[in-house]
């Protein structure tokens, strides 16, 4: 013998009775309500029933309790939640439930078969957000129904699920204006550094136009690695996108500047760019600080000249790209041309952090290839010379 409980209103007195079973079957206990019953009563009622069958009798007690509806928000059962204006709709699942004596949820239970209930879902402040579908209908034995909250503007609103004769429930929806996340960067003079702009929510249909504005005459911004910067740029983030790349270019090597990101429906956000010294450095096939070693009969070797970011003591930090829209020609000197020759000058184009040339070995010996420091760049404490040894 098996039984299953279905959601129902408080039953009328005298509902209990005897069930006669003539064969081994599953049965379902259905609770109903009379017009005069108090559905919101906190009291539970018990009734006893007897099932009889040719193979024996069995008795049991069914507890009949109040019922209602609860809201499963994006943050959980009966939980308040937050979202952003212009963001995606938030799913609300309305569940039918049996209540305990305190009015809390004892357990989720479906509506009884053959019974239908309409549940109204409402927003107390429709300027903050609206409900997409209301009422939602429970056709037994359904145990849930789904609607959505559509956010509109910053503020708070109570979302309530209710139906006449049943206990309802409210949760608080908080809608905030979305933010940007903008990076703080360090950029060498005449150089550029990429930055990633992040959105607090995905770009809406049609994309989102974000304006980046420099608040400093010594700071330029570009949407492309190879384009000269300007005081203001517009970056369009496609629908569903959450990020975009831009480039900050520095015109000086001391102090700092700021820039601000703005877009419709978002809070503005300001980031800081720290200006730093820059330099030109040199390396061989094995990298910075390693000697170029080859043989007189060997092939030509690559020599790389790079633009670099320095710290406040003019110590090398990292390579950093030349600002887009500019170019740089670097002259190299060779202390012993009889040992080998190097092609000079070397060109670096905007958007790149270096240019290559070649060393052609001629005879055994040692030489030093050095950079002629260009105007507007600091003299670094290291990596301005490349030692060459030819076997």
Protein backbone atom coordinates (compact mmCIF):
# COMPACT_ATOMS: atom_id res chain seq x y z
CA UNK A 1 0.00 0.00 0.00
CA UNK A 2 1.40 3.43 -0.85
CA UNK A 3 0.17 6.99 -0.51
CA UNK A 4 1.06 10.42 -1.87
CA UNK A 5 0.14 13.81 -0.43
CA UNK A 6 -1.04 16.65 -2.64
CA UNK A 7 -1.19 20.39 -1.85
CA UNK A 8 -4.63 21.54 -0.74
CA UNK A 9 -6.56 23.98 1.41
CA UNK A 10 -7.63 23.22 4.97
CA UNK A 11 -10.18 20.38 4.78
CA UNK A 12 -13.63 20.59 6.27
CA UNK A 13 -14.46 18.67 9.44
CA UNK A 14 -15.75 15.17 8.74
CA UNK A 15 -13.67 14.66 5.63
CA UNK A 16 -12.09 11.48 7.02
CA UNK A 17 -13.56 8.15 6.03
CA UNK A 18 -12.92 4.57 5.12
CA UNK A 19 -11.22 3.45 1.92
CA UNK A 20 -12.08 0.00 0.59
CA UNK A 21 -9.44 -1.57 -1.62
CA UNK A 22 -10.30 -4.67 -3.59
CA UNK A 23 -6.84 -5.23 -5.04
CA UNK A 24 -3.26 -4.11 -4.41
CA UNK A 25 -3.14 -0.59 -5.90
CA UNK A 26 -1.59 2.80 -5.24
CA UNK A 27 -3.99 5.39 -3.91
CA UNK A 28 -3.85 9.15 -3.54
CA UNK A 29 -5.17 11.21 -0.66
CA UNK A 30 -6.85 14.38 -1.89
CA UNK A 31 -7.65 17.16 0.55
CA UNK A 32 -10.30 19.72 -0.27
CA UNK A 33 -11.83 22.79 1.33
CA UNK A 34 -15.38 23.89 1.96
CA UNK A 35 -16.42 27.48 1.35
CA UNK A 36 -16.44 28.21 5.07
CA UNK A 37 -13.00 26.82 5.91
CA UNK A 38 -10.17 29.13 6.99
CA UNK A 39 -7.33 28.51 4.57
CA UNK A 40 -4.92 30.76 6.46
CA UNK A 41 -5.47 28.99 9.77
CA UNK A 42 -2.25 27.95 11.46
CA UNK A 43 -3.91 24.86 12.93
CA UNK A 44 -3.44 21.44 11.41
CA UNK A 45 -6.16 18.81 11.34
CA UNK A 46 -5.80 15.07 11.50
CA UNK A 47 -8.11 12.43 10.17
CA UNK A 48 -7.91 8.68 10.33
CA UNK A 49 -8.81 6.35 7.55
CA UNK A 50 -8.95 2.61 7.08
CA UNK A 51 -8.12 0.77 3.89
CA UNK A 52 -9.67 -2.67 3.54
CA UNK A 53 -8.75 -5.36 1.08
CA UNK A 54 -9.21 -9.12 0.72
CA UNK A 55 -5.70 -9.66 2.10
CA UNK A 56 -6.15 -7.50 5.19
CA UNK A 57 -6.86 -4.05 6.60
CA UNK A 58 -4.55 -1.09 7.38
CA UNK A 59 -5.16 2.22 9.13
CA UNK A 60 -3.22 5.50 8.97
CA UNK A 61 -3.43 9.18 9.86
CA UNK A 62 -3.17 12.04 7.39
CA UNK A 63 -2.20 15.50 8.71
CA UNK A 64 -3.94 18.29 6.80
CA UNK A 65 -2.16 21.65 7.04
CA UNK A 66 -2.37 25.21 5.72
CA UNK A 67 -0.85 25.95 2.34
CA UNK A 68 0.60 28.84 0.40
CA UNK A 69 3.06 30.00 -2.22
CA UNK A 70 6.75 30.84 -1.91
CA UNK A 71 9.21 32.57 -4.25
CA UNK A 72 12.48 31.05 -5.39
CA UNK A 73 14.58 34.09 -6.40
CA UNK A 74 17.99 34.05 -8.16
CA UNK A 75 19.55 34.06 -4.65
CA UNK A 76 17.52 31.14 -3.28
CA UNK A 77 14.25 30.17 -1.65
CA UNK A 78 12.49 33.18 -0.07
CA UNK A 79 15.66 35.26 -0.53
CA UNK A 80 15.88 38.95 -1.39
CA UNK A 81 18.07 39.59 -4.44
CA UNK A 82 19.76 42.33 -6.42
CA UNK A 83 20.24 43.06 -10.09
CA UNK A 84 21.17 45.99 -12.31
CA UNK A 85 19.06 48.36 -14.39
CA UNK A 86 19.15 47.32 -18.01
CA UNK A 87 20.33 43.86 -17.02
CA UNK A 88 18.81 40.55 -18.06
CA UNK A 89 15.44 39.57 -16.61
CA UNK A 90 15.65 37.61 -13.33
CA UNK A 91 13.80 34.29 -13.17
CA UNK A 92 11.29 33.85 -10.34
CA UNK A 93 10.00 30.36 -9.61
CA UNK A 94 6.74 30.26 -7.65
CA UNK A 95 6.38 27.04 -5.64
CA UNK A 96 3.33 25.58 -3.91
CA UNK A 97 4.02 24.55 -0.34
CA UNK A 98 2.60 23.00 2.81
CA UNK A 99 3.09 25.35 5.77
CA UNK A 100 4.02 24.60 9.35
CA UNK A 101 2.23 25.94 12.44
CA UNK A 102 4.34 29.12 12.34
CA UNK A 103 3.46 29.89 8.75
CA UNK A 104 6.85 28.79 7.44
CA UNK A 105 7.45 26.26 4.70
CA UNK A 106 7.22 22.68 5.96
CA UNK A 107 7.79 21.21 2.52
CA UNK A 108 7.03 21.91 -1.14
CA UNK A 109 3.97 20.03 -2.39
CA UNK A 110 2.10 19.99 -5.71
CA UNK A 111 -1.43 21.20 -6.28
CA UNK A 112 -3.91 18.33 -6.21
CA UNK A 113 -4.78 16.74 -9.52
CA UNK A 114 -7.72 18.25 -11.37
CA UNK A 115 -7.49 21.53 -9.41
CA UNK A 116 -6.33 24.90 -10.81
CA UNK A 117 -5.04 27.97 -8.95
CA UNK A 118 -4.11 31.40 -10.36
CA UNK A 119 -1.31 33.16 -8.46
CA UNK A 120 -0.76 36.88 -8.90
CA UNK A 121 2.86 38.04 -8.93
CA UNK A 122 3.26 41.78 -8.49
CA UNK A 123 5.91 44.50 -8.15
CA UNK A 124 5.19 47.25 -5.60
CA UNK A 125 7.24 49.86 -7.51
CA UNK A 126 6.84 49.39 -11.25
CA UNK A 127 9.22 52.23 -12.05
CA UNK A 128 11.97 50.05 -10.57
CA UNK A 129 10.88 46.85 -12.32
CA UNK A 130 7.91 44.87 -13.60
CA UNK A 131 6.74 41.25 -13.68
CA UNK A 132 6.68 39.78 -17.17
CA UNK A 133 3.85 37.26 -16.64
CA UNK A 134 1.06 37.49 -14.06
CA UNK A 135 -0.96 35.65 -12.98
CA UNK A 136 0.78 32.29 -13.26
CA UNK A 137 -1.48 29.23 -13.25
CA UNK A 138 -0.99 25.99 -11.33
CA UNK A 139 -2.84 23.13 -13.02
CA UNK A 140 -2.64 20.18 -10.64
CA UNK A 141 -0.51 18.19 -10.17
CA UNK A 142 1.89 21.05 -11.03
CA UNK A 143 4.11 22.18 -8.14
CA UNK A 144 5.71 25.31 -9.62
CA UNK A 145 5.26 28.08 -12.16
CA UNK A 146 7.79 30.51 -13.62
CA UNK A 147 7.76 34.22 -14.34
CA UNK A 148 10.46 36.91 -14.54
CA UNK A 149 11.37 40.26 -13.02
CA UNK A 150 12.31 42.92 -15.57
CA UNK A 151 14.57 45.63 -14.01
CA UNK A 152 14.12 49.21 -15.18
CA UNK A 153 15.81 51.73 -12.86
CA UNK A 154 17.69 51.97 -9.57
CA UNK A 155 15.61 51.45 -6.45
CA UNK A 156 13.82 48.84 -4.34
CA UNK A 157 10.57 46.99 -4.96
CA UNK A 158 8.69 44.23 -3.16
CA UNK A 159 7.75 41.25 -5.31
CA UNK A 160 4.73 39.37 -3.99
CA UNK A 161 3.13 36.04 -4.93
CA UNK A 162 -0.47 35.81 -3.73
CA UNK A 163 -3.77 34.06 -4.31
CA UNK A 164 -7.08 34.46 -2.50
CA UNK A 165 -7.39 31.99 0.37
CA UNK A 166 -3.68 31.10 0.46
CA UNK A 167 -0.72 32.51 2.30
CA UNK A 168 1.54 34.52 -0.02
CA UNK A 169 5.12 35.68 0.19
CA UNK A 170 7.21 38.75 -0.71
CA UNK A 171 10.90 39.20 -1.49
CA UNK A 172 12.78 42.45 -1.95
CA UNK A 173 14.38 43.19 -5.31
CA UNK A 174 17.13 45.83 -5.26
CA UNK A 175 18.06 47.36 -8.61
CA UNK A 176 21.31 49.31 -8.91
CA UNK A 177 22.95 51.21 -11.75
CA UNK A 178 25.76 49.07 -13.21
CA UNK A 179 29.39 50.13 -12.95
CA UNK A 180 32.55 50.00 -15.02
CA UNK A 181 35.81 48.45 -13.91
CA UNK A 182 38.67 50.52 -15.35
CA UNK A 183 42.39 49.77 -14.85
CA UNK A 184 45.11 51.94 -13.37
CA UNK A 185 48.19 51.74 -15.61
CA UNK A 186 51.84 52.82 -15.69
CA UNK A 187 53.04 54.12 -19.08
CA UNK A 188 56.47 55.28 -20.22
CA UNK A 189 56.98 58.56 -22.06
CA UNK A 190 56.14 58.22 -25.79
CA UNK A 191 54.94 54.67 -25.15
CA UNK A 192 51.55 53.00 -24.69
CA UNK A 193 49.98 50.34 -22.51
CA UNK A 194 46.81 48.38 -23.30
CA UNK A 195 44.01 48.41 -20.75
CA UNK A 196 40.88 46.29 -20.43
CA UNK A 197 37.58 48.02 -19.69
CA UNK A 198 35.05 45.73 -17.97
CA UNK A 199 31.28 46.17 -17.80
CA UNK A 200 29.23 45.43 -14.69
CA UNK A 201 26.66 43.75 -16.96
CA UNK A 202 26.56 42.54 -20.55
CA UNK A 203 26.08 45.11 -23.30
CA UNK A 204 22.40 45.43 -24.35
CA UNK A 205 20.86 44.80 -27.76
CA UNK A 206 22.54 46.98 -30.36
CA UNK A 207 25.73 47.19 -28.32
CA UNK A 208 27.00 49.81 -25.88
CA UNK A 209 28.96 52.93 -26.84
CA UNK A 210 31.47 53.75 -24.11
CA UNK A 211 33.26 57.11 -24.13
CA UNK A 212 36.74 57.33 -22.62
CA UNK A 213 37.87 60.88 -21.90
CA UNK A 214 41.35 61.99 -20.85
CA UNK A 215 41.39 64.47 -17.99
CA UNK A 216 45.05 65.33 -18.57
CA UNK A 217 46.74 67.16 -21.45
CA UNK A 218 49.64 64.71 -21.16
CA UNK A 219 47.49 61.60 -21.59
CA UNK A 220 46.16 60.33 -24.89
CA UNK A 221 43.77 57.45 -25.51
CA UNK A 222 43.38 55.21 -28.56
CA UNK A 223 41.04 52.42 -29.60
CA UNK A 224 43.76 50.85 -31.78
CA UNK A 225 47.35 49.81 -31.07
CA UNK A 226 48.58 51.52 -34.23
CA UNK A 227 46.58 54.75 -34.09
CA UNK A 228 47.69 58.03 -32.53
CA UNK A 229 45.79 58.80 -29.35
CA UNK A 230 43.37 61.66 -28.72
CA UNK A 231 41.70 63.29 -25.73
CA UNK A 232 38.48 61.30 -26.19
CA UNK A 233 37.54 58.04 -27.91
CA UNK A 234 34.37 55.97 -28.26
CA UNK A 235 34.52 52.19 -28.02
CA UNK A 236 31.46 50.14 -29.00
CA UNK A 237 31.04 46.88 -27.12
CA UNK A 238 28.82 44.44 -29.06
CA UNK A 239 25.61 42.99 -27.68
CA UNK A 240 26.35 40.49 -24.94
CA UNK A 241 29.97 41.66 -24.62
CA UNK A 242 31.47 42.60 -21.26
CA UNK A 243 34.90 44.02 -22.11
CA UNK A 244 36.92 46.14 -24.51
CA UNK A 245 40.60 46.97 -25.03
CA UNK A 246 41.95 50.50 -25.28
CA UNK A 247 45.45 52.03 -25.26
CA UNK A 248 46.81 54.73 -22.94
CA UNK A 249 49.67 56.86 -24.32
CA UNK A 250 51.95 59.09 -22.18
CA UNK A 251 53.55 62.32 -23.37
CA UNK A 252 55.68 62.92 -20.25
CA UNK A 253 57.64 60.81 -17.77
CA UNK A 254 56.62 62.22 -14.37
CA UNK A 255 53.37 62.62 -12.48
CA UNK A 256 50.03 61.08 -13.39
CA UNK A 257 46.78 61.74 -15.21
CA UNK A 258 43.24 60.40 -15.08
CA UNK A 259 40.62 59.29 -17.56
CA UNK A 260 36.89 58.67 -17.20
CA UNK A 261 34.58 56.05 -18.74
CA UNK A 262 30.95 56.99 -19.37
CA UNK A 263 27.99 55.31 -21.08
CA UNK A 264 24.20 55.48 -21.01
CA UNK A 265 22.80 53.49 -18.11
CA UNK A 266 26.14 53.12 -16.29
CA UNK A 267 27.79 54.96 -13.44
CA UNK A 268 30.90 56.86 -14.64
CA UNK A 269 34.26 55.53 -13.45
CA UNK A 270 37.71 57.16 -13.38
CA UNK A 271 41.09 55.47 -13.65
CA UNK A 272 44.64 56.73 -13.08
CA UNK A 273 47.62 56.58 -15.45
CA UNK A 274 51.06 56.95 -13.87
CA UNK A 275 53.71 58.47 -16.16
CA UNK A 276 57.19 56.94 -16.07
CA UNK A 277 60.59 57.23 -17.81
CA UNK A 278 61.21 55.25 -20.99
CA UNK A 279 64.29 54.07 -22.84
CA UNK A 280 65.63 52.03 -25.73
CA UNK A 281 67.43 48.76 -24.89
CA UNK A 282 69.21 46.03 -26.87
CA UNK A 283 69.36 42.24 -26.69
CA UNK A 284 70.72 39.29 -28.64
CA UNK A 285 69.26 35.87 -29.49
CA UNK A 286 69.45 34.72 -25.85
CA UNK A 287 67.64 37.73 -24.36
CA UNK A 288 68.54 40.69 -22.17
CA UNK A 289 71.89 40.54 -20.39
CA UNK A 290 73.28 37.59 -22.37
CA UNK A 291 76.29 37.77 -24.70
CA UNK A 292 75.85 37.12 -28.40
CA UNK A 293 78.11 34.15 -29.23
CA UNK A 294 78.73 32.89 -32.74
CA UNK A 295 81.50 31.69 -35.07
CA UNK A 296 83.20 33.45 -37.92
CA UNK A 297 81.76 30.96 -40.39
CA UNK A 298 78.32 30.93 -38.75
CA UNK A 299 75.07 32.50 -39.98
CA UNK A 300 73.91 36.02 -39.23
CA UNK A 301 72.44 36.52 -35.75
CA UNK A 302 69.36 38.54 -34.81
CA UNK A 303 69.79 41.66 -32.70
CA UNK A 304 66.65 43.24 -31.21
CA UNK A 305 66.22 46.87 -30.21
CA UNK A 306 63.24 47.52 -27.90
CA UNK A 307 61.40 50.40 -26.30
CA UNK A 308 61.15 49.90 -22.54
CA UNK A 309 59.45 51.12 -19.38
CA UNK A 310 61.81 52.20 -16.59
CA UNK A 311 61.26 52.73 -12.89
CA UNK A 312 62.01 56.00 -11.11
CA UNK A 313 65.70 55.01 -10.84
CA UNK A 314 65.92 54.40 -14.61
CA UNK A 315 66.13 50.64 -14.09
CA UNK A 316 64.57 48.42 -16.78
CA UNK A 317 61.10 47.13 -15.84
CA UNK A 318 59.75 45.61 -19.06
CA UNK A 319 59.45 46.25 -22.75
CA UNK A 320 56.52 48.48 -23.68
CA UNK A 321 55.17 49.35 -27.10
CA UNK A 322 55.87 52.63 -28.86
CA UNK A 323 52.76 54.82 -28.97
CA UNK A 324 50.53 54.21 -31.98
CA UNK A 325 50.87 56.69 -34.84
CA UNK A 326 54.59 57.31 -34.17
CA UNK A 327 57.88 55.78 -35.27
CA UNK A 328 61.45 55.70 -33.99
CA UNK A 329 64.81 55.23 -35.74
CA UNK A 330 67.66 53.91 -33.58
CA UNK A 331 71.32 54.24 -34.52
CA UNK A 332 73.73 51.49 -33.40
CA UNK A 333 77.50 51.66 -33.05
CA UNK A 334 79.95 48.75 -33.35
CA UNK A 335 83.25 48.95 -31.45
CA UNK A 336 85.11 46.54 -33.78
CA UNK A 337 83.65 46.33 -37.28
CA UNK A 338 86.42 43.90 -38.31
CA UNK A 339 84.91 41.29 -35.98
CA UNK A 340 81.49 41.64 -37.63
CA UNK A 341 79.02 44.14 -39.01
CA UNK A 342 75.58 45.21 -37.81
CA UNK A 343 72.88 46.86 -39.92
CA UNK A 344 71.93 50.32 -38.62
CA UNK A 345 69.65 52.19 -38.10
CA UNK A 346 66.83 50.05 -36.71
CA UNK A 347 63.19 51.17 -37.05
CA UNK A 348 60.43 50.68 -34.48
CA UNK A 349 56.86 51.39 -35.57
CA UNK A 350 53.98 52.53 -33.36
CA UNK A 351 52.16 49.66 -31.69
CA UNK A 352 55.31 47.50 -31.61
CA UNK A 353 57.80 47.20 -28.77
CA UNK A 354 60.84 46.50 -30.94
CA UNK A 355 62.61 46.10 -34.24
CA UNK A 356 65.17 43.56 -35.46
CA UNK A 357 68.48 43.87 -37.27
CA UNK A 358 71.31 41.38 -37.92
CA UNK A 359 74.92 40.89 -36.90
CA UNK A 360 77.14 39.37 -39.61
CA UNK A 361 80.27 37.66 -38.16
CA UNK A 362 83.60 38.13 -40.01
CA UNK A 363 86.51 37.04 -37.81
CA UNK A 364 87.24 35.81 -34.28
CA UNK A 365 87.24 38.37 -31.50
CA UNK A 366 85.05 40.52 -29.28
CA UNK A 367 82.99 43.61 -30.00
CA UNK A 368 80.36 45.82 -28.34
CA UNK A 369 77.19 46.93 -30.10
CA UNK A 370 75.73 50.03 -28.44
CA UNK A 371 72.63 52.19 -28.73
CA UNK A 372 72.88 55.89 -29.51
CA UNK A 373 70.31 57.17 -27.08
CA UNK A 374 67.48 58.99 -28.94
CA UNK A 375 66.14 62.38 -27.87
CA UNK A 376 63.24 62.28 -25.41
CA UNK A 377 64.30 58.97 -23.84
CA UNK A 378 66.12 58.35 -20.55
CA UNK A 379 69.51 56.67 -20.32
CA UNK A 380 68.77 53.29 -18.69
CA UNK A 381 71.08 51.74 -16.12
CA UNK A 382 71.27 48.47 -18.02
CA UNK A 383 70.82 46.80 -21.41
CA UNK A 384 72.23 49.65 -23.52
CA UNK A 385 75.12 47.50 -24.86
CA UNK A 386 75.35 44.03 -26.33
CA UNK A 387 78.58 42.10 -25.94
CA UNK A 388 79.53 39.98 -29.00
CA UNK A 389 82.02 37.09 -29.08
CA UNK A 390 82.99 35.46 -32.37
CA UNK A 391 84.88 32.14 -32.26
